C-alpha atoms as a PDB file:
ATOM      1  CA  ARG A   1     -15.276  15.135   4.561  1.00  0.00           C
ATOM      2  CA  ASN A   2     -17.377  12.206   3.430  1.00  0.00           C
ATOM      3  CA  PHE A   3     -15.600   8.994   4.350  1.00  0.00           C
ATOM      4  CA  ALA A   4     -17.637   7.040   1.821  1.00  0.00           C
ATOM      5  CA  LEU A   5     -15.379   8.505  -0.835  1.00  0.00           C
ATOM      6  CA  ASN A   6     -12.134   7.045  -2.009  1.00  0.00           C
ATOM      7  CA  LEU A   7      -9.003   9.063  -1.244  1.00  0.00           C
ATOM      8  CA  ALA A   8      -8.485  10.945  -4.502  1.00  0.00           C
ATOM      9  CA  VAL A   9      -5.437  11.959  -6.478  1.00  0.00           C
ATOM     10  CA  GLY A  10      -4.176  15.301  -5.199  1.00  0.00           C
ATOM     11  CA  GLU A  11      -5.483  14.764  -1.675  1.00  0.00           C
ATOM     12  CA  THR A  12      -3.229  14.197   1.310  1.00  0.00           C
ATOM     13  CA  ALA A  13      -3.620  10.735   2.776  1.00  0.00           C
ATOM     14  CA  PRO A  14      -4.876  10.508   6.329  1.00  0.00           C
ATOM     15  CA  ASP A  15      -2.191   9.888   8.888  1.00  0.00           C
ATOM     16  CA  PHE A  16      -2.137   6.476  10.470  1.00  0.00           C
ATOM     17  CA  SER A  17      -0.084   4.492  12.905  1.00  0.00           C
ATOM     18  CA  LEU A  18      -0.280   0.694  12.773  1.00  0.00           C
ATOM     19  CA  VAL A  19       1.769  -2.254  13.957  1.00  0.00           C
ATOM     20  CA  ASP A  20       3.423  -4.541  11.401  1.00  0.00           C
ATOM     21  CA  GLN A  21       4.237  -8.255  11.420  1.00  0.00           C
ATOM     22  CA  ASN A  22       7.378  -7.620  13.502  1.00  0.00           C
ATOM     23  CA  GLY A  23       5.610  -5.591  16.171  1.00  0.00           C
ATOM     24  CA  LYS A  24       7.069  -2.345  14.792  1.00  0.00           C
ATOM     25  CA  THR A  25       4.834   0.701  14.559  1.00  0.00           C
ATOM     26  CA  PHE A  26       4.619   2.377  11.165  1.00  0.00           C
ATOM     27  CA  ASP A  27       3.585   6.064  11.192  1.00  0.00           C
ATOM     28  CA  ARG A  28       2.525   7.491   7.869  1.00  0.00           C
ATOM     29  CA  SER A  29       3.462  11.025   8.904  1.00  0.00           C
ATOM     30  CA  LYS A  30       7.021   9.991   9.803  1.00  0.00           C
ATOM     31  CA  ASN A  31       7.584   8.443   6.391  1.00  0.00           C
ATOM     32  CA  LYS A  32       9.531  10.888   4.212  1.00  0.00           C
ATOM     33  CA  LYS A  33       9.688   8.957   0.954  1.00  0.00           C
ATOM     34  CA  PRO A  34       7.165   7.925  -1.674  1.00  0.00           C
ATOM     35  CA  LEU A  35       4.933   5.186  -0.334  1.00  0.00           C
ATOM     36  CA  VAL A  36       2.823   2.487  -1.937  1.00  0.00           C
ATOM     37  CA  VAL A  37      -0.081   1.737   0.399  1.00  0.00           C
ATOM     38  CA  TYR A  38      -2.020  -1.296  -0.664  1.00  0.00           C
ATOM     39  CA  PHE A  39      -5.199  -2.459   1.028  1.00  0.00           C
ATOM     40  CA  TYR A  40      -6.036  -6.113   0.580  1.00  0.00           C
ATOM     41  CA  PRO A  41      -8.961  -8.227   1.772  1.00  0.00           C
ATOM     42  CA  ALA A  42      -7.280 -10.844   3.980  1.00  0.00           C
ATOM     43  CA  ASP A  43      -4.028 -12.557   4.948  1.00  0.00           C
ATOM     44  CA  SER A  44      -3.174 -15.934   3.432  1.00  0.00           C
ATOM     45  CA  THR A  45      -5.962 -15.968   0.841  1.00  0.00           C
ATOM     46  CA  PRO A  46      -5.056 -16.849  -2.775  1.00  0.00           C
ATOM     47  CA  GLY A  47      -5.292 -13.373  -4.362  1.00  0.00           C
ATOM     48  CA  CYS A  48      -3.601 -11.666  -1.449  1.00  0.00           C
ATOM     49  CA  THR A  49      -0.812 -14.229  -1.501  1.00  0.00           C
ATOM     50  CA  VAL A  50      -0.215 -13.600  -5.220  1.00  0.00           C
ATOM     51  CA  GLN A  51      -0.189  -9.853  -4.592  1.00  0.00           C
ATOM     52  CA  ALA A  52       2.175  -9.988  -1.611  1.00  0.00           C
ATOM     53  CA  LYS A  53       4.559 -12.304  -3.481  1.00  0.00           C
ATOM     54  CA  ALA A  54       4.573  -9.964  -6.465  1.00  0.00           C
ATOM     55  CA  PHE A  55       5.347  -6.945  -4.267  1.00  0.00           C
ATOM     56  CA  GLN A  56       8.049  -8.985  -2.536  1.00  0.00           C
ATOM     57  CA  GLU A  57       9.664  -9.762  -5.909  1.00  0.00           C
ATOM     58  CA  GLU A  58       9.771  -6.051  -6.729  1.00  0.00           C
ATOM     59  CA  ILE A  59      10.490  -4.552  -3.298  1.00  0.00           C
ATOM     60  CA  GLN A  60      14.247  -4.218  -3.824  1.00  0.00           C
ATOM     61  CA  SER A  61      13.837  -2.447  -7.143  1.00  0.00           C
ATOM     62  CA  ILE A  62      11.073  -0.223  -5.732  1.00  0.00           C
ATOM     63  CA  ARG A  63      13.391   0.789  -2.888  1.00  0.00           C
ATOM     64  CA  LYS A  64      16.435   1.210  -5.077  1.00  0.00           C
ATOM     65  CA  GLU A  65      15.012   2.692  -8.231  1.00  0.00           C
ATOM     66  CA  TYR A  66      12.249   4.889  -6.801  1.00  0.00           C
ATOM     67  CA  LYS A  67      13.538   5.411  -3.241  1.00  0.00           C
ATOM     68  CA  ALA A  68      10.068   4.357  -2.158  1.00  0.00           C
ATOM     69  CA  ASP A  69       8.590   1.824   0.203  1.00  0.00           C
ATOM     70  CA  VAL A  70       5.558  -0.443   0.325  1.00  0.00           C
ATOM     71  CA  VAL A  71       3.092  -1.231   3.101  1.00  0.00           C
ATOM     72  CA  GLY A  72       0.195  -3.657   2.862  1.00  0.00           C
ATOM     73  CA  ILE A  73      -2.860  -3.187   5.087  1.00  0.00           C
ATOM     74  CA  SER A  74      -5.695  -5.512   6.029  1.00  0.00           C
ATOM     75  CA  GLY A  75      -8.043  -6.043   8.949  1.00  0.00           C
ATOM     76  CA  GLN A  76      -6.498  -9.142  10.510  1.00  0.00           C
ATOM     77  CA  GLY A  77      -4.384  -8.790  13.654  1.00  0.00           C
ATOM     78  CA  ALA A  78      -0.611  -8.766  14.106  1.00  0.00           C
ATOM     79  CA  GLU A  79      -0.455 -12.509  14.746  1.00  0.00           C
ATOM     80  CA  SER A  80      -2.082 -13.229  11.402  1.00  0.00           C
ATOM     81  CA  LYS A  81       0.315 -10.768   9.748  1.00  0.00           C
ATOM     82  CA  GLN A  82       3.282 -12.514  11.334  1.00  0.00           C
ATOM     83  CA  LYS A  83       2.191 -15.886   9.989  1.00  0.00           C
ATOM     84  CA  PHE A  84       1.462 -14.522   6.498  1.00  0.00           C
ATOM     85  CA  ALA A  85       4.777 -12.645   6.317  1.00  0.00           C
ATOM     86  CA  ALA A  86       6.702 -15.711   7.504  1.00  0.00           C
ATOM     87  CA  GLU A  87       4.952 -17.955   4.961  1.00  0.00           C
ATOM     88  CA  LEU A  88       6.016 -15.672   2.135  1.00  0.00           C
ATOM     89  CA  GLY A  89       9.282 -14.300   3.528  1.00  0.00           C
ATOM     90  CA  LEU A  90       8.085 -10.713   3.221  1.00  0.00           C
ATOM     91  CA  ASP A  91      10.573  -7.988   4.002  1.00  0.00           C
ATOM     92  CA  PHE A  92       8.183  -5.075   3.721  1.00  0.00           C
ATOM     93  CA  SER A  93       5.623  -4.154   6.378  1.00  0.00           C
ATOM     94  CA  ILE A  94       2.136  -5.565   6.369  1.00  0.00           C
ATOM     95  CA  LEU A  95       0.068  -3.661   8.881  1.00  0.00           C
ATOM     96  CA  ALA A  96      -2.720  -4.843  11.173  1.00  0.00           C
ATOM     97  CA  ASP A  97      -5.722  -2.552  10.770  1.00  0.00           C
ATOM     98  CA  GLU A  98      -7.995  -4.206  13.307  1.00  0.00           C
ATOM     99  CA  GLY A  99     -11.410  -2.602  13.198  1.00  0.00           C
ATOM    100  CA  ASP A 100     -10.609  -1.312   9.687  1.00  0.00           C
ATOM    101  CA  ASP A 101     -10.173   2.272  10.920  1.00  0.00           C
ATOM    102  CA  VAL A 102      -7.445   3.106   8.424  1.00  0.00           C
ATOM    103  CA  ARG A 103      -9.346   1.439   5.598  1.00  0.00           C
ATOM    104  CA  LYS A 104     -12.331   3.613   6.532  1.00  0.00           C
ATOM    105  CA  SER A 105     -10.223   6.774   6.792  1.00  0.00           C
ATOM    106  CA  PHE A 106      -8.947   6.212   3.229  1.00  0.00           C
ATOM    107  CA  GLY A 107     -12.531   5.462   2.170  1.00  0.00           C
ATOM    108  CA  VAL A 108     -11.418   2.298   0.377  1.00  0.00           C
ATOM    109  CA  PRO A 109     -14.368   1.190  -1.771  1.00  0.00           C
ATOM    110  CA  LYS A 110     -15.792  -2.246  -1.110  1.00  0.00           C
ATOM    111  CA  ALA A 111     -15.664  -4.919  -3.780  1.00  0.00           C
ATOM    112  CA  ALA A 112     -17.966  -7.711  -4.946  1.00  0.00           C
ATOM    113  CA  PHE A 113     -21.162  -5.681  -4.418  1.00  0.00           C
ATOM    114  CA  GLY A 114     -20.074  -4.659  -0.961  1.00  0.00           C
ATOM    115  CA  PHE A 115     -19.386  -8.180   0.307  1.00  0.00           C
ATOM    116  CA  LEU A 116     -15.604  -7.977   0.334  1.00  0.00           C
ATOM    117  CA  PRO A 117     -13.131  -5.364   1.487  1.00  0.00           C
ATOM    118  CA  GLY A 118     -11.674  -3.827  -1.665  1.00  0.00           C
ATOM    119  CA  ARG A 119      -8.210  -4.432  -3.075  1.00  0.00           C
ATOM    120  CA  VAL A 120      -6.976  -0.913  -3.742  1.00  0.00           C
ATOM    121  CA  THR A 121      -3.466   0.496  -4.089  1.00  0.00           C
ATOM    122  CA  TYR A 122      -2.642   4.141  -3.379  1.00  0.00           C
ATOM    123  CA  VAL A 123       0.680   5.716  -4.281  1.00  0.00           C
ATOM    124  CA  LEU A 124       1.681   8.670  -2.101  1.00  0.00           C
ATOM    125  CA  ASP A 125       4.503  11.094  -2.713  1.00  0.00           C
ATOM    126  CA  LYS A 126       7.040  11.914  -0.020  1.00  0.00           C
ATOM    127  CA  ASP A 127       4.644  14.481   1.471  1.00  0.00           C
ATOM    128  CA  GLY A 128       1.786  11.988   1.682  1.00  0.00           C
ATOM    129  CA  VAL A 129      -0.132  13.395  -1.277  1.00  0.00           C
ATOM    130  CA  CYS A 130      -1.928  10.748  -3.319  1.00  0.00           C
ATOM    131  CA  THR A 131      -0.662  10.550  -6.915  1.00  0.00           C
ATOM    132  CA  SER A 132      -2.407   7.358  -8.026  1.00  0.00           C
ATOM    133  CA  VAL A 133      -5.327   5.113  -7.083  1.00  0.00           C
ATOM    134  CA  TYR A 134      -5.655   1.634  -8.539  1.00  0.00           C
ATOM    135  CA  ASP A 135      -8.717  -0.487  -7.766  1.00  0.00           C
ATOM    136  CA  ASN A 136      -8.781  -4.083  -8.993  1.00  0.00           C
ATOM    137  CA  LEU A 137     -10.034  -6.972  -6.862  1.00  0.00           C
ATOM    138  CA  THR A 138      -9.528  -9.838  -9.286  1.00  0.00           C
ATOM    139  CA  ASP A 139      -6.127  -9.200 -10.852  1.00  0.00           C
ATOM    140  CA  ALA A 140      -4.047  -8.958  -7.698  1.00  0.00           C
ATOM    141  CA  ALA A 141      -0.678  -9.034  -9.474  1.00  0.00           C
ATOM    142  CA  SER A 142      -1.571  -6.063 -11.691  1.00  0.00           C
ATOM    143  CA  HIS A 143      -1.286  -3.734  -8.676  1.00  0.00           C
ATOM    144  CA  ILE A 144       2.494  -3.963  -8.715  1.00  0.00           C
ATOM    145  CA  GLU A 145       2.849  -2.695 -12.295  1.00  0.00           C
ATOM    146  CA  ALA A 146       0.319   0.050 -11.576  1.00  0.00           C
ATOM    147  CA  ALA A 147       2.291   1.127  -8.504  1.00  0.00           C
ATOM    148  CA  LYS A 148       5.600   1.107 -10.377  1.00  0.00           C
ATOM    149  CA  ASP A 149       4.111   3.165 -13.209  1.00  0.00           C
ATOM    150  CA  ALA A 150       2.933   5.760 -10.703  1.00  0.00           C
ATOM    151  CA  LEU A 151       6.331   5.805  -8.978  1.00  0.00           C
ATOM    152  CA  ALA A 152       8.076   6.176 -12.334  1.00  0.00           C
ATOM    153  CA  GLU A 153       5.944   9.224 -13.150  1.00  0.00           C
ATOM    154  CA  MET A 154       6.901  10.788  -9.833  1.00  0.00           C
ATOM    155  CA  LYS A 155      10.593  10.183 -10.292  1.00  0.00           C
ATOM    156  CA  PRO A 156      12.552  13.288 -11.289  1.00  0.00           C
ATOM    157  CA  ALA A 157      13.613  12.863 -14.899  1.00  0.00           C
ATOM    158  CA  THR A 158      17.090  14.311 -14.424  1.00  0.00           C
ATOM    159  CA  LYS A 159      19.703  13.717 -11.802  1.00  0.00           C
ATOM    160  CA  ALA A 160      20.916  16.695  -9.781  1.00  0.00           C
ATOM    161  CA  GLY A 161      23.142  18.945 -11.853  1.00  0.00           C
ATOM    162  CA  GLY A 162      21.312  18.156 -15.086  1.00  0.00           C
ATOM    163  CA  PHE A 163      19.125  20.559 -17.005  1.00  0.00           C
ATOM    164  CA  SER A 164      15.759  21.132 -15.442  1.00  0.00           C
END
């Protein structure tokens, strides 16, 4: 498989295991609910701050309404993640992908003519299959709506016991 390519809709996301801002390890394969995986360029930069704040504002409704979770991933270490999460009061995991191995395994496209790590959001279903890819470096806040739209499409229309 050519790692230069972006993880595509319908493909299963690569497994990964990374440490978050609280020193907890997050394993993609152990996650059994829909997951928003967003890759961002760097901790504590303006766009990434806007994006993390926007996800933070929506995290409760994402968990409640879609039974999903969110993880953010960038290349800075756990210490940087800790500081960034504390600054913003984040209560979802931001994961330290030092060496960018996970970014590479997803084949996240670069932005700004290859100068910057891309800002790309993937929505995975409970089995880890990608249902949506959203790539937008400049409008960081737009990723949250895009993720919620994808989660809404995944959500079963009827509650158990209804007509199928």
